[in-house]
């Protein structure tokens, strides 16, 4: 390789020609007058105007007032007494089978068992949150909470 064989990686930037005879002279292809002809021109992006018209909760659509947080399904001890037999295991899947809770989007909601009502059957609770009063009633009936 010799010096006269070397080529530049970037070509020289062409300078703006001036005058009516040259290319890109006078208005330099900007047209005449106005905001676009000025130096340092900045036009507002058109999308910004559309975005400003949308509400602050944009993108949520029809469910704009719906919370992101999944709610907890509350099941009372009285409902378990009516739906389950002695010795059954209570879990979110078994509650969904008995239609005490609804499967939302292919997932079981979080379940909490509350102490409203009476229970006489001994059942085993697993995978559910249990209140203190419900736990006392379940253990009194001979059941257990895991």
Protein backbone atom coordinates (compact mmCIF):
# COMPACT_ATOMS: atom_id res chain seq x y z
CA UNK A 1 0.00 0.00 0.00
CA UNK A 2 1.31 3.42 -0.95
CA UNK A 3 0.25 6.90 0.02
CA UNK A 4 -1.26 7.68 -3.38
CA UNK A 5 -3.50 4.55 -3.15
CA UNK A 6 -5.15 5.58 0.13
CA UNK A 7 -8.81 6.63 0.04
CA UNK A 8 -10.76 8.53 2.65
CA UNK A 9 -13.42 6.71 4.64
CA UNK A 10 -15.70 9.75 4.59
CA UNK A 11 -15.86 12.10 1.65
CA UNK A 12 -15.46 15.84 2.05
CA UNK A 13 -18.68 17.62 2.95
CA UNK A 14 -19.84 19.75 0.09
CA UNK A 15 -20.11 23.40 0.99
CA UNK A 16 -23.29 25.32 0.21
CA UNK A 17 -22.81 27.25 -2.98
CA UNK A 18 -23.90 30.85 -2.98
CA UNK A 19 -25.51 32.95 -5.68
CA UNK A 20 -28.21 32.47 -8.27
CA UNK A 21 -26.04 30.54 -10.67
CA UNK A 22 -24.90 27.70 -8.41
CA UNK A 23 -26.81 24.74 -7.07
CA UNK A 24 -28.64 25.28 -3.77
CA UNK A 25 -27.97 29.00 -3.76
CA UNK A 26 -30.04 31.89 -2.40
CA UNK A 27 -32.70 30.09 -0.35
CA UNK A 28 -30.66 26.84 -0.35
CA UNK A 29 -33.68 24.68 -1.21
CA UNK A 30 -35.69 25.91 1.77
CA UNK A 31 -38.33 27.77 -0.20
CA UNK A 32 -39.09 31.34 0.82
CA UNK A 33 -39.69 32.90 4.20
CA UNK A 34 -41.51 31.43 7.15
CA UNK A 35 -40.58 29.15 10.00
CA UNK A 36 -39.02 26.51 7.75
CA UNK A 37 -36.64 28.98 6.10
CA UNK A 38 -35.11 30.19 9.36
CA UNK A 39 -31.91 28.93 10.94
CA UNK A 40 -32.36 26.50 13.82
CA UNK A 41 -35.91 25.73 12.76
CA UNK A 42 -37.82 23.38 15.03
CA UNK A 43 -41.33 22.32 14.23
CA UNK A 44 -43.51 20.68 16.84
CA UNK A 45 -43.92 16.98 16.20
CA UNK A 46 -47.48 16.39 15.01
CA UNK A 47 -47.85 13.31 17.24
CA UNK A 48 -47.43 15.46 20.36
CA UNK A 49 -50.71 17.22 19.65
CA UNK A 50 -52.55 13.89 19.44
CA UNK A 51 -50.93 12.58 22.62
CA UNK A 52 -51.91 15.71 24.56
CA UNK A 53 -55.55 15.16 23.61
CA UNK A 54 -55.60 11.69 25.15
CA UNK A 55 -56.42 11.29 28.85
CA UNK A 56 -53.72 10.65 31.41
CA UNK A 57 -54.79 7.01 31.67
CA UNK A 58 -54.13 6.44 27.97
CA UNK A 59 -53.74 2.91 26.78
CA UNK A 60 -56.12 1.40 29.35
CA UNK A 61 -59.15 1.62 27.03
CA UNK A 62 -62.48 0.48 28.46
CA UNK A 63 -60.83 -0.79 31.65
CA UNK A 64 -59.36 2.58 32.58
CA UNK A 65 -60.89 2.56 36.06
CA UNK A 66 -60.08 -1.09 36.77
CA UNK A 67 -57.30 -1.66 39.27
CA UNK A 68 -54.09 -3.43 38.29
CA UNK A 69 -54.05 -5.21 41.65
CA UNK A 70 -55.74 -8.59 41.71
CA UNK A 71 -58.51 -8.77 44.27
CA UNK A 72 -58.66 -11.47 46.90
CA UNK A 73 -61.63 -13.84 46.76
CA UNK A 74 -63.23 -14.13 50.20
CA UNK A 75 -64.87 -17.43 51.14
CA UNK A 76 -66.76 -17.86 54.40
CA UNK A 77 -66.57 -20.97 56.57
CA UNK A 78 -70.34 -21.43 56.16
CA UNK A 79 -69.94 -21.79 52.37
CA UNK A 80 -67.26 -24.46 52.87
CA UNK A 81 -69.61 -26.34 55.22
CA UNK A 82 -72.30 -26.42 52.56
CA UNK A 83 -70.06 -27.29 49.56
CA UNK A 84 -67.50 -29.79 50.90
CA UNK A 85 -67.63 -33.21 52.57
CA UNK A 86 -65.75 -34.44 55.63
CA UNK A 87 -62.01 -34.97 54.97
CA UNK A 88 -61.90 -32.97 51.71
CA UNK A 89 -58.91 -30.81 50.85
CA UNK A 90 -59.68 -27.16 50.18
CA UNK A 91 -57.46 -25.36 47.67
CA UNK A 92 -58.07 -22.70 45.00
CA UNK A 93 -58.53 -25.44 42.36
CA UNK A 94 -61.10 -27.37 44.47
CA UNK A 95 -62.96 -24.12 45.21
CA UNK A 96 -63.09 -23.40 41.45
CA UNK A 97 -64.49 -26.90 40.80
CA UNK A 98 -67.31 -26.22 43.29
CA UNK A 99 -67.82 -22.80 41.61
CA UNK A 100 -67.16 -20.83 44.79
CA UNK A 101 -64.49 -18.80 42.98
CA UNK A 102 -64.15 -17.85 39.31
CA UNK A 103 -61.05 -18.61 37.24
CA UNK A 104 -59.82 -15.25 35.87
CA UNK A 105 -57.68 -15.37 32.72
CA UNK A 106 -56.62 -18.97 33.34
CA UNK A 107 -55.35 -18.15 36.84
CA UNK A 108 -56.88 -18.76 40.22
CA UNK A 109 -57.35 -15.62 42.32
CA UNK A 110 -55.83 -15.42 45.78
CA UNK A 111 -58.27 -16.90 48.29
CA UNK A 112 -58.86 -15.94 51.91
CA UNK A 113 -61.12 -17.98 54.15
CA UNK A 114 -63.10 -15.88 56.63
CA UNK A 115 -64.80 -16.95 59.84
CA UNK A 116 -68.43 -16.07 59.07
CA UNK A 117 -70.74 -19.05 59.67
CA UNK A 118 -70.29 -22.38 61.44
CA UNK A 119 -68.43 -25.55 60.41
CA UNK A 120 -68.75 -29.08 61.79
CA UNK A 121 -66.85 -31.05 59.11
CA UNK A 122 -63.11 -31.61 59.43
CA UNK A 123 -61.42 -30.35 56.26
CA UNK A 124 -57.80 -29.68 55.25
CA UNK A 125 -57.02 -26.18 53.93
CA UNK A 126 -53.95 -25.63 51.74
CA UNK A 127 -52.86 -22.80 49.46
CA UNK A 128 -55.30 -20.30 50.98
CA UNK A 129 -54.95 -17.45 53.43
CA UNK A 130 -57.04 -18.01 56.57
CA UNK A 131 -58.24 -15.47 59.13
CA UNK A 132 -57.67 -16.15 62.83
CA UNK A 133 -61.35 -16.71 63.58
CA UNK A 134 -61.71 -19.13 60.63
CA UNK A 135 -58.57 -21.01 61.70
CA UNK A 136 -59.97 -21.42 65.21
CA UNK A 137 -63.30 -22.77 63.87
CA UNK A 138 -61.59 -25.16 61.43
CA UNK A 139 -59.29 -26.59 64.10
CA UNK A 140 -62.18 -26.86 66.57
CA UNK A 141 -64.08 -28.98 64.00
CA UNK A 142 -61.04 -31.29 63.66
CA UNK A 143 -59.59 -29.84 60.45
CA UNK A 144 -56.15 -28.43 59.77
CA UNK A 145 -54.59 -25.43 58.00
CA UNK A 146 -51.37 -25.81 56.00
